[in-house]
Amino acid sequence: MARHHGSKSTVKRSAARAVVGGVAAAAGGVVAATLAAGIVMSPAQAPSARLGGIHDDLQRAVQLRQITPEQAALFEAKLSREISGNGESSSTDA
């Protein structure tokens, strides 16, 4: 049989690591929940600001060669129609 030196100390360290790991995970969850709540509760941007951000993001994607300029133009036009309310949306908000 193998002898374990300081097994109580090892158990205590393992327990401490588990507690610290659990606290860190819980804190991370709280931070994520706080961030998500902040996003949900923040006021909606004006359509022009949203479209400006979309345009910038799509141009960045074209520069990185993630999409073609044609794809960016089509997607931007589609989103512009949806954001301005002229898209083929199935929602019927009053």
C-alpha atoms as a PDB file:
ATOM      1  CA  MET A   1       0.000   0.000   0.000  1.00  0.00           C
ATOM      2  CA  ALA A   2       1.221   3.438  -0.879  1.00  0.00           C
ATOM      3  CA  ARG A   3       1.506   5.963   1.880  1.00  0.00           C
ATOM      4  CA  HIS A   4      -0.047   9.376   1.430  1.00  0.00           C
ATOM      5  CA  HIS A   5       1.834  12.077   3.265  1.00  0.00           C
ATOM      6  CA  GLY A   6      -0.279  14.992   4.346  1.00  0.00           C
ATOM      7  CA  SER A   7      -3.525  13.665   2.915  1.00  0.00           C
ATOM      8  CA  LYS A   8      -5.591  15.983   5.143  1.00  0.00           C
ATOM      9  CA  SER A   9      -3.656  18.946   3.795  1.00  0.00           C
ATOM     10  CA  THR A  10      -4.231  17.763   0.216  1.00  0.00           C
ATOM     11  CA  VAL A  11      -7.953  17.391   0.852  1.00  0.00           C
ATOM     12  CA  LYS A  12      -8.119  20.884   2.346  1.00  0.00           C
ATOM     13  CA  ARG A  13      -6.289  22.369  -0.629  1.00  0.00           C
ATOM     14  CA  SER A  14      -8.570  20.546  -3.053  1.00  0.00           C
ATOM     15  CA  ALA A  15     -11.633  21.757  -1.180  1.00  0.00           C
ATOM     16  CA  ALA A  16     -10.283  25.303  -1.146  1.00  0.00           C
ATOM     17  CA  ARG A  17      -9.639  25.142  -4.904  1.00  0.00           C
ATOM     18  CA  ALA A  18     -13.169  23.882  -5.481  1.00  0.00           C
ATOM     19  CA  VAL A  19     -14.665  26.696  -3.400  1.00  0.00           C
ATOM     20  CA  VAL A  20     -12.535  29.354  -5.088  1.00  0.00           C
ATOM     21  CA  GLY A  21     -13.381  27.905  -8.499  1.00  0.00           C
ATOM     22  CA  GLY A  22     -17.080  27.904  -7.660  1.00  0.00           C
ATOM     23  CA  VAL A  23     -16.961  31.488  -6.415  1.00  0.00           C
ATOM     24  CA  ALA A  24     -15.128  32.573  -9.564  1.00  0.00           C
ATOM     25  CA  ALA A  25     -17.679  30.815 -11.772  1.00  0.00           C
ATOM     26  CA  ALA A  26     -20.545  32.405  -9.846  1.00  0.00           C
ATOM     27  CA  ALA A  27     -18.935  35.837 -10.159  1.00  0.00           C
ATOM     28  CA  GLY A  28     -18.504  35.299 -13.882  1.00  0.00           C
ATOM     29  CA  GLY A  29     -22.169  34.368 -14.140  1.00  0.00           C
ATOM     30  CA  VAL A  30     -23.169  37.509 -12.237  1.00  0.00           C
ATOM     31  CA  VAL A  31     -21.041  39.659 -14.531  1.00  0.00           C
ATOM     32  CA  ALA A  32     -22.547  38.030 -17.624  1.00  0.00           C
ATOM     33  CA  ALA A  33     -26.072  38.467 -16.273  1.00  0.00           C
ATOM     34  CA  THR A  34     -25.402  42.113 -15.414  1.00  0.00           C
ATOM     35  CA  LEU A  35     -24.025  42.769 -18.888  1.00  0.00           C
ATOM     36  CA  ALA A  36     -26.988  41.044 -20.547  1.00  0.00           C
ATOM     37  CA  ALA A  37     -29.445  43.021 -18.418  1.00  0.00           C
ATOM     38  CA  GLY A  38     -27.668  46.237 -19.339  1.00  0.00           C
ATOM     39  CA  ILE A  39     -27.965  45.438 -23.019  1.00  0.00           C
ATOM     40  CA  VAL A  40     -31.633  44.525 -22.737  1.00  0.00           C
ATOM     41  CA  MET A  41     -32.492  47.572 -20.631  1.00  0.00           C
ATOM     42  CA  SER A  42     -30.517  50.087 -22.706  1.00  0.00           C
ATOM     43  CA  PRO A  43     -32.535  52.384 -24.954  1.00  0.00           C
ATOM     44  CA  ALA A  44     -32.835  51.359 -28.597  1.00  0.00           C
ATOM     45  CA  GLN A  45     -30.621  53.231 -31.014  1.00  0.00           C
ATOM     46  CA  ALA A  46     -32.092  55.468 -33.673  1.00  0.00           C
ATOM     47  CA  PRO A  47     -32.424  53.731 -37.053  1.00  0.00           C
ATOM     48  CA  SER A  48     -29.774  55.982 -38.616  1.00  0.00           C
ATOM     49  CA  ALA A  49     -27.279  55.064 -35.882  1.00  0.00           C
ATOM     50  CA  ARG A  50     -28.054  51.363 -36.290  1.00  0.00           C
ATOM     51  CA  LEU A  51     -27.631  51.568 -40.059  1.00  0.00           C
ATOM     52  CA  GLY A  52     -24.344  53.451 -39.662  1.00  0.00           C
ATOM     53  CA  GLY A  53     -23.030  50.718 -37.374  1.00  0.00           C
ATOM     54  CA  ILE A  54     -24.196  48.005 -39.744  1.00  0.00           C
ATOM     55  CA  HIS A  55     -22.497  49.753 -42.660  1.00  0.00           C
ATOM     56  CA  ASP A  56     -19.224  50.035 -40.719  1.00  0.00           C
ATOM     57  CA  ASP A  57     -19.358  46.378 -39.652  1.00  0.00           C
ATOM     58  CA  LEU A  58     -20.054  45.186 -43.188  1.00  0.00           C
ATOM     59  CA  GLN A  59     -17.225  47.299 -44.614  1.00  0.00           C
ATOM     60  CA  ARG A  60     -14.891  45.785 -42.025  1.00  0.00           C
ATOM     61  CA  ALA A  61     -16.033  42.309 -43.075  1.00  0.00           C
ATOM     62  CA  VAL A  62     -15.328  43.175 -46.727  1.00  0.00           C
ATOM     63  CA  GLN A  63     -11.854  44.447 -45.823  1.00  0.00           C
ATOM     64  CA  LEU A  64     -11.176  41.190 -43.976  1.00  0.00           C
ATOM     65  CA  ARG A  65     -12.481  39.292 -47.020  1.00  0.00           C
ATOM     66  CA  GLN A  66     -15.136  37.560 -44.963  1.00  0.00           C
ATOM     67  CA  ILE A  67     -17.813  38.625 -47.458  1.00  0.00           C
ATOM     68  CA  THR A  68     -17.809  40.182 -50.921  1.00  0.00           C
ATOM     69  CA  PRO A  69     -18.778  43.815 -51.561  1.00  0.00           C
ATOM     70  CA  GLU A  70     -21.880  42.552 -53.370  1.00  0.00           C
ATOM     71  CA  GLN A  71     -22.941  40.461 -50.375  1.00  0.00           C
ATOM     72  CA  ALA A  72     -22.405  43.443 -48.084  1.00  0.00           C
ATOM     73  CA  ALA A  73     -24.532  45.692 -50.294  1.00  0.00           C
ATOM     74  CA  LEU A  74     -27.387  43.178 -50.501  1.00  0.00           C
ATOM     75  CA  PHE A  75     -27.356  42.474 -46.776  1.00  0.00           C
ATOM     76  CA  GLU A  76     -27.192  46.171 -45.922  1.00  0.00           C
ATOM     77  CA  ALA A  77     -30.161  46.896 -48.218  1.00  0.00           C
ATOM     78  CA  LYS A  78     -32.169  44.067 -46.634  1.00  0.00           C
ATOM     79  CA  LEU A  79     -31.428  45.262 -43.107  1.00  0.00           C
ATOM     80  CA  SER A  80     -32.177  48.848 -44.085  1.00  0.00           C
ATOM     81  CA  ARG A  81     -35.638  47.822 -45.304  1.00  0.00           C
ATOM     82  CA  GLU A  82     -36.303  45.829 -42.121  1.00  0.00           C
ATOM     83  CA  ILE A  83     -35.093  48.567 -39.778  1.00  0.00           C
ATOM     84  CA  SER A  84     -37.006  51.309 -41.560  1.00  0.00           C
ATOM     85  CA  GLY A  85     -40.173  49.201 -41.411  1.00  0.00           C
ATOM     86  CA  ASN A  86     -40.511  48.638 -45.134  1.00  0.00           C
ATOM     87  CA  GLY A  87     -39.387  45.008 -45.011  1.00  0.00           C
ATOM     88  CA  GLU A  88     -41.497  41.923 -45.313  1.00  0.00           C
ATOM     89  CA  SER A  89     -41.851  41.487 -41.592  1.00  0.00           C
ATOM     90  CA  SER A  90     -44.524  39.132 -40.298  1.00  0.00           C
ATOM     91  CA  SER A  91     -45.022  41.098 -37.056  1.00  0.00           C
ATOM     92  CA  THR A  92     -48.056  43.315 -36.729  1.00  0.00           C
ATOM     93  CA  ASP A  93     -47.167  45.769 -33.975  1.00  0.00           C
ATOM     94  CA  ALA A  94     -49.893  48.289 -33.152  1.00  0.00           C
END
